[in-house]
N, C-alpha and C. Protein backbone atom coordinates (compact mmCIF):
# COMPACT_ATOMS: atom_id res chain seq x y z
N MET A 1 -20.52 12.46 29.09
CA MET A 1 -21.99 12.20 28.71
C MET A 1 -22.63 12.02 29.94
N THR A 2 -23.73 12.80 29.78
CA THR A 2 -24.75 12.78 31.18
C THR A 2 -26.15 12.01 30.84
N ILE A 3 -26.71 11.93 31.79
CA ILE A 3 -28.18 11.23 31.58
C ILE A 3 -29.25 12.02 32.04
N ASP A 4 -29.88 12.52 31.19
CA ASP A 4 -31.22 13.29 31.44
C ASP A 4 -32.71 12.68 31.49
N ARG A 5 -32.94 12.16 32.83
CA ARG A 5 -34.33 11.51 32.95
C ARG A 5 -35.35 11.92 32.41
N ASP A 6 -35.53 13.30 32.95
CA ASP A 6 -36.62 13.92 32.71
C ASP A 6 -36.76 14.15 31.11
N GLU A 7 -35.70 14.51 30.45
CA GLU A 7 -35.91 14.58 28.64
C GLU A 7 -35.76 13.35 28.20
N ARG A 8 -35.45 12.05 28.99
CA ARG A 8 -35.36 10.93 28.36
C ARG A 8 -34.44 11.04 27.12
N ALA A 9 -33.15 11.35 27.48
CA ALA A 9 -31.98 11.66 26.54
C ALA A 9 -30.90 11.59 27.53
N VAL A 10 -29.55 11.33 26.48
CA VAL A 10 -28.29 11.35 26.85
C VAL A 10 -27.77 12.51 26.24
N VAL A 11 -26.70 13.15 26.70
CA VAL A 11 -26.29 14.41 26.45
C VAL A 11 -24.82 13.90 26.27
N VAL A 12 -24.04 13.81 25.07
CA VAL A 12 -22.70 13.52 24.86
C VAL A 12 -21.82 14.63 24.50
N PHE A 13 -20.72 14.80 25.28
CA PHE A 13 -19.93 16.27 25.25
C PHE A 13 -18.82 15.62 24.39
N ASN A 14 -18.12 16.65 23.30
CA ASN A 14 -16.90 16.22 22.61
C ASN A 14 -16.12 17.60 22.24
N GLN A 15 -15.39 17.18 21.43
CA GLN A 15 -14.20 18.58 21.16
C GLN A 15 -13.86 19.23 22.36
N PRO A 16 -13.04 18.67 23.15
CA PRO A 16 -12.54 19.25 24.38
C PRO A 16 -11.53 20.33 23.95
N GLU A 17 -11.35 21.47 24.41
CA GLU A 17 -10.51 22.64 24.06
C GLU A 17 -10.30 23.55 25.33
N ASP A 18 -9.22 23.62 25.76
CA ASP A 18 -8.99 24.75 26.93
C ASP A 18 -9.75 24.29 28.25
N GLY A 19 -9.92 22.96 28.37
CA GLY A 19 -10.83 22.50 29.55
C GLY A 19 -12.21 22.74 29.63
N ARG A 20 -12.60 22.86 28.13
CA ARG A 20 -14.23 22.76 28.14
C ARG A 20 -14.72 22.07 26.95
N TYR A 21 -15.85 21.70 26.85
CA TYR A 21 -16.26 20.96 25.49
C TYR A 21 -16.83 21.89 24.70
N ARG A 22 -16.46 22.13 23.50
CA ARG A 22 -17.12 22.96 22.43
C ARG A 22 -18.47 22.25 21.83
N HIS A 23 -18.66 21.13 22.05
CA HIS A 23 -19.92 20.74 21.21
C HIS A 23 -20.49 19.78 22.32
N GLU A 24 -21.96 19.56 22.23
CA GLU A 24 -22.76 18.72 22.82
C GLU A 24 -23.88 18.38 21.89
N GLU A 25 -24.17 16.98 22.14
CA GLU A 25 -25.18 16.47 21.33
C GLU A 25 -26.32 15.65 22.28
N LYS A 26 -27.56 16.00 22.02
CA LYS A 26 -28.60 15.39 22.84
C LYS A 26 -29.18 14.31 22.07
N LEU A 27 -29.16 13.09 22.83
CA LEU A 27 -29.75 11.73 22.17
C LEU A 27 -30.95 11.31 22.58
N PRO A 28 -31.85 10.94 22.18
CA PRO A 28 -32.94 10.38 22.83
C PRO A 28 -32.67 8.80 23.38
N PHE A 29 -33.37 8.34 24.40
CA PHE A 29 -33.04 6.94 24.72
C PHE A 29 -33.44 6.15 23.75
N GLY A 30 -32.54 5.31 23.57
CA GLY A 30 -32.95 4.22 22.57
C GLY A 30 -31.72 4.43 21.22
N ALA A 31 -31.02 5.41 21.14
CA ALA A 31 -30.09 5.81 20.35
C ALA A 31 -28.98 5.19 20.55
N THR A 32 -28.07 4.84 19.73
CA THR A 32 -26.74 4.24 20.06
C THR A 32 -25.64 5.38 19.91
N VAL A 33 -24.95 5.23 20.95
CA VAL A 33 -23.71 6.34 21.11
C VAL A 33 -22.48 5.74 20.99
N GLU A 34 -21.66 6.49 19.97
CA GLU A 34 -20.41 5.89 19.96
C GLU A 34 -19.34 6.67 20.35
N LEU A 35 -18.43 6.10 21.16
CA LEU A 35 -17.49 6.83 22.00
C LEU A 35 -16.12 6.69 21.23
N PRO A 36 -15.42 7.55 20.60
CA PRO A 36 -14.22 7.70 20.04
C PRO A 36 -13.06 7.03 20.79
N GLU A 37 -11.97 6.78 20.17
CA GLU A 37 -10.68 6.38 20.78
C GLU A 37 -10.49 7.46 22.12
N PRO A 38 -9.77 7.35 22.79
CA PRO A 38 -9.18 5.99 23.21
C PRO A 38 -10.15 4.98 24.09
N VAL A 39 -11.55 5.28 23.95
CA VAL A 39 -12.30 4.54 24.80
C VAL A 39 -12.98 3.53 23.66
N SER A 40 -13.33 3.92 22.64
CA SER A 40 -13.79 2.93 21.37
C SER A 40 -14.77 2.06 21.76
N ILE A 41 -16.03 2.52 22.18
CA ILE A 41 -17.02 1.50 22.61
C ILE A 41 -18.51 2.07 21.87
N THR A 42 -19.39 1.16 21.78
CA THR A 42 -20.61 1.75 21.36
C THR A 42 -21.59 1.37 22.47
N LEU A 43 -22.30 2.40 23.01
CA LEU A 43 -23.39 2.20 24.08
C LEU A 43 -24.70 2.40 23.41
N ASP A 44 -25.57 1.29 23.67
CA ASP A 44 -26.88 1.11 23.58
C ASP A 44 -27.81 1.78 24.70
N THR A 45 -28.33 2.72 24.39
CA THR A 45 -29.27 3.37 25.57
C THR A 45 -30.63 3.33 25.74
N GLY A 46 -30.78 1.99 24.88
CA GLY A 46 -32.28 1.53 25.09
C GLY A 46 -32.78 1.23 26.31
N PRO A 47 -31.78 0.36 27.32
CA PRO A 47 -32.20 0.11 28.62
C PRO A 47 -32.41 1.23 29.43
N LEU A 48 -31.97 2.63 28.92
CA LEU A 48 -32.25 3.48 30.13
C LEU A 48 -33.81 4.18 30.09
N LYS A 49 -34.23 3.54 28.95
CA LYS A 49 -35.92 3.61 29.04
C LYS A 49 -36.69 3.31 30.28
N GLU A 50 -36.18 2.20 30.73
CA GLU A 50 -36.74 1.52 32.09
C GLU A 50 -36.53 2.40 33.37
N PHE A 51 -35.58 3.30 33.46
CA PHE A 51 -35.36 4.01 34.47
C PHE A 51 -35.78 5.55 34.43
N ALA A 52 -36.70 6.01 33.33
CA ALA A 52 -37.06 7.33 33.10
C ALA A 52 -38.37 7.37 33.90
N ASP A 53 -38.52 8.61 34.39
CA ASP A 53 -40.09 8.61 34.95
C ASP A 53 -41.13 8.75 33.75
């Protein structure tokens, strides 16, 4: 996952294969991000709004 402050979004990478990610999804700040196992956590990206330009 990366944070794009200019776009006010997070980019979530998934579906790794052969050392690369086959899929990425850009979500706006404020979205809830579900990270699958083995991490298994939910991230609230709302607080990131405070750090955007």
